[in-house]
């Protein structure tokens, strides 16, 4: 989350992706960085035990959200 907010501060659009186990800490980090309510995409935890195909599936599942956050496609989450 910190990387995303730092990039945004520099004027570089970013889309953070976190696992659901880190929602509280991600929200706290965004708030501490001056970005309360920072939008991010979330996938189920864990990742380390997944196969390559499962990781690819999770990435594909959040792609529309990531593109929306970056402003590439519609603005359906505001």
C-alpha atoms as a PDB file:
ATOM      1  CA  UNK A   1       0.000   0.000   0.000  1.00  0.00           C
ATOM      2  CA  UNK A   2       2.828   2.392   0.805  1.00  0.00           C
ATOM      3  CA  UNK A   3       4.303   1.962  -2.678  1.00  0.00           C
ATOM      4  CA  UNK A   4       0.983   2.833  -4.293  1.00  0.00           C
ATOM      5  CA  UNK A   5       0.533   5.968  -2.227  1.00  0.00           C
ATOM      6  CA  UNK A   6       4.137   7.073  -2.847  1.00  0.00           C
ATOM      7  CA  UNK A   7       3.655   6.668  -6.594  1.00  0.00           C
ATOM      8  CA  UNK A   8       0.389   8.603  -6.433  1.00  0.00           C
ATOM      9  CA  UNK A   9       2.167  11.404  -4.553  1.00  0.00           C
ATOM     10  CA  UNK A  10       4.655  11.559  -7.424  1.00  0.00           C
ATOM     11  CA  UNK A  11       1.788  11.843  -9.905  1.00  0.00           C
ATOM     12  CA  UNK A  12       2.115   8.272 -11.136  1.00  0.00           C
ATOM     13  CA  UNK A  13      -1.200   6.412 -11.184  1.00  0.00           C
ATOM     14  CA  UNK A  14      -0.999   3.186  -9.189  1.00  0.00           C
ATOM     15  CA  UNK A  15      -3.292   0.306  -8.339  1.00  0.00           C
ATOM     16  CA  UNK A  16      -2.410  -1.571  -5.177  1.00  0.00           C
ATOM     17  CA  UNK A  17      -3.453  -5.197  -4.824  1.00  0.00           C
ATOM     18  CA  UNK A  18      -3.601  -6.739  -1.365  1.00  0.00           C
ATOM     19  CA  UNK A  19      -4.832 -10.002   0.063  1.00  0.00           C
ATOM     20  CA  UNK A  20      -7.876  -9.957   2.323  1.00  0.00           C
ATOM     21  CA  UNK A  21      -5.694 -10.749   5.348  1.00  0.00           C
ATOM     22  CA  UNK A  22      -4.151  -7.285   5.103  1.00  0.00           C
ATOM     23  CA  UNK A  23      -7.212  -5.052   4.794  1.00  0.00           C
ATOM     24  CA  UNK A  24      -6.854  -3.482   8.251  1.00  0.00           C
ATOM     25  CA  UNK A  25      -3.131  -2.880   7.934  1.00  0.00           C
ATOM     26  CA  UNK A  26      -3.527  -1.682   4.342  1.00  0.00           C
ATOM     27  CA  UNK A  27      -6.176   0.844   5.360  1.00  0.00           C
ATOM     28  CA  UNK A  28      -4.013   1.990   8.272  1.00  0.00           C
ATOM     29  CA  UNK A  29      -0.990   2.370   5.976  1.00  0.00           C
ATOM     30  CA  UNK A  30      -2.977   4.369   3.433  1.00  0.00           C
ATOM     31  CA  UNK A  31      -4.286   6.653   6.180  1.00  0.00           C
ATOM     32  CA  UNK A  32      -0.786   7.097   7.639  1.00  0.00           C
ATOM     33  CA  UNK A  33       0.483   8.054   4.169  1.00  0.00           C
ATOM     34  CA  UNK A  34      -2.235  10.705   3.879  1.00  0.00           C
ATOM     35  CA  UNK A  35      -4.587   8.694   1.669  1.00  0.00           C
ATOM     36  CA  UNK A  36      -7.576   7.714   3.827  1.00  0.00           C
ATOM     37  CA  UNK A  37     -10.069   5.803   1.701  1.00  0.00           C
ATOM     38  CA  UNK A  38      -7.374   4.865  -0.855  1.00  0.00           C
ATOM     39  CA  UNK A  39      -8.867   2.481  -3.419  1.00  0.00           C
ATOM     40  CA  UNK A  40      -7.196  -0.864  -3.912  1.00  0.00           C
ATOM     41  CA  UNK A  41      -8.043  -4.271  -5.241  1.00  0.00           C
ATOM     42  CA  UNK A  42      -8.267  -7.298  -2.992  1.00  0.00           C
ATOM     43  CA  UNK A  43      -7.708 -11.005  -3.577  1.00  0.00           C
ATOM     44  CA  UNK A  44      -8.107 -13.970  -1.218  1.00  0.00           C
ATOM     45  CA  UNK A  45      -5.216 -14.898   1.061  1.00  0.00           C
ATOM     46  CA  UNK A  46      -2.847 -16.785   0.841  1.00  0.00           C
ATOM     47  CA  UNK A  47      -0.822 -16.635  -2.356  1.00  0.00           C
ATOM     48  CA  UNK A  48       2.329 -18.572  -1.491  1.00  0.00           C
ATOM     49  CA  UNK A  49       0.679 -21.995  -1.677  1.00  0.00           C
ATOM     50  CA  UNK A  50      -0.976 -21.439  -5.063  1.00  0.00           C
ATOM     51  CA  UNK A  51       0.064 -22.911  -8.372  1.00  0.00           C
ATOM     52  CA  UNK A  52       1.068 -20.606 -11.216  1.00  0.00           C
ATOM     53  CA  UNK A  53      -2.322 -21.156 -12.823  1.00  0.00           C
ATOM     54  CA  UNK A  54      -4.141 -20.222  -9.598  1.00  0.00           C
ATOM     55  CA  UNK A  55      -2.083 -17.042  -9.258  1.00  0.00           C
ATOM     56  CA  UNK A  56      -2.869 -16.148 -12.866  1.00  0.00           C
ATOM     57  CA  UNK A  57      -6.577 -16.725 -12.202  1.00  0.00           C
ATOM     58  CA  UNK A  58      -6.503 -14.416  -9.176  1.00  0.00           C
ATOM     59  CA  UNK A  59      -4.704 -11.769 -11.207  1.00  0.00           C
ATOM     60  CA  UNK A  60      -7.273 -12.020 -13.983  1.00  0.00           C
ATOM     61  CA  UNK A  61     -10.109 -11.820 -11.467  1.00  0.00           C
ATOM     62  CA  UNK A  62      -8.982  -8.367 -10.258  1.00  0.00           C
ATOM     63  CA  UNK A  63      -7.908  -6.996 -13.632  1.00  0.00           C
ATOM     64  CA  UNK A  64     -11.189  -5.115 -14.221  1.00  0.00           C
ATOM     65  CA  UNK A  65     -10.875  -3.544 -10.770  1.00  0.00           C
ATOM     66  CA  UNK A  66      -7.247  -2.552 -11.392  1.00  0.00           C
ATOM     67  CA  UNK A  67      -8.132  -1.014 -14.752  1.00  0.00           C
ATOM     68  CA  UNK A  68     -11.004   0.859 -13.118  1.00  0.00           C
ATOM     69  CA  UNK A  69      -8.717   2.214 -10.371  1.00  0.00           C
ATOM     70  CA  UNK A  70      -6.261   3.370 -13.036  1.00  0.00           C
ATOM     71  CA  UNK A  71      -9.076   5.032 -14.968  1.00  0.00           C
ATOM     72  CA  UNK A  72      -8.635   2.801 -18.007  1.00  0.00           C
ATOM     73  CA  UNK A  73     -12.221   1.516 -17.912  1.00  0.00           C
ATOM     74  CA  UNK A  74     -15.481   2.729 -16.377  1.00  0.00           C
ATOM     75  CA  UNK A  75     -15.780   4.137 -12.895  1.00  0.00           C
ATOM     76  CA  UNK A  76     -18.101   1.554 -11.337  1.00  0.00           C
ATOM     77  CA  UNK A  77     -16.802   1.544  -7.735  1.00  0.00           C
ATOM     78  CA  UNK A  78     -17.349   5.108  -6.559  1.00  0.00           C
END
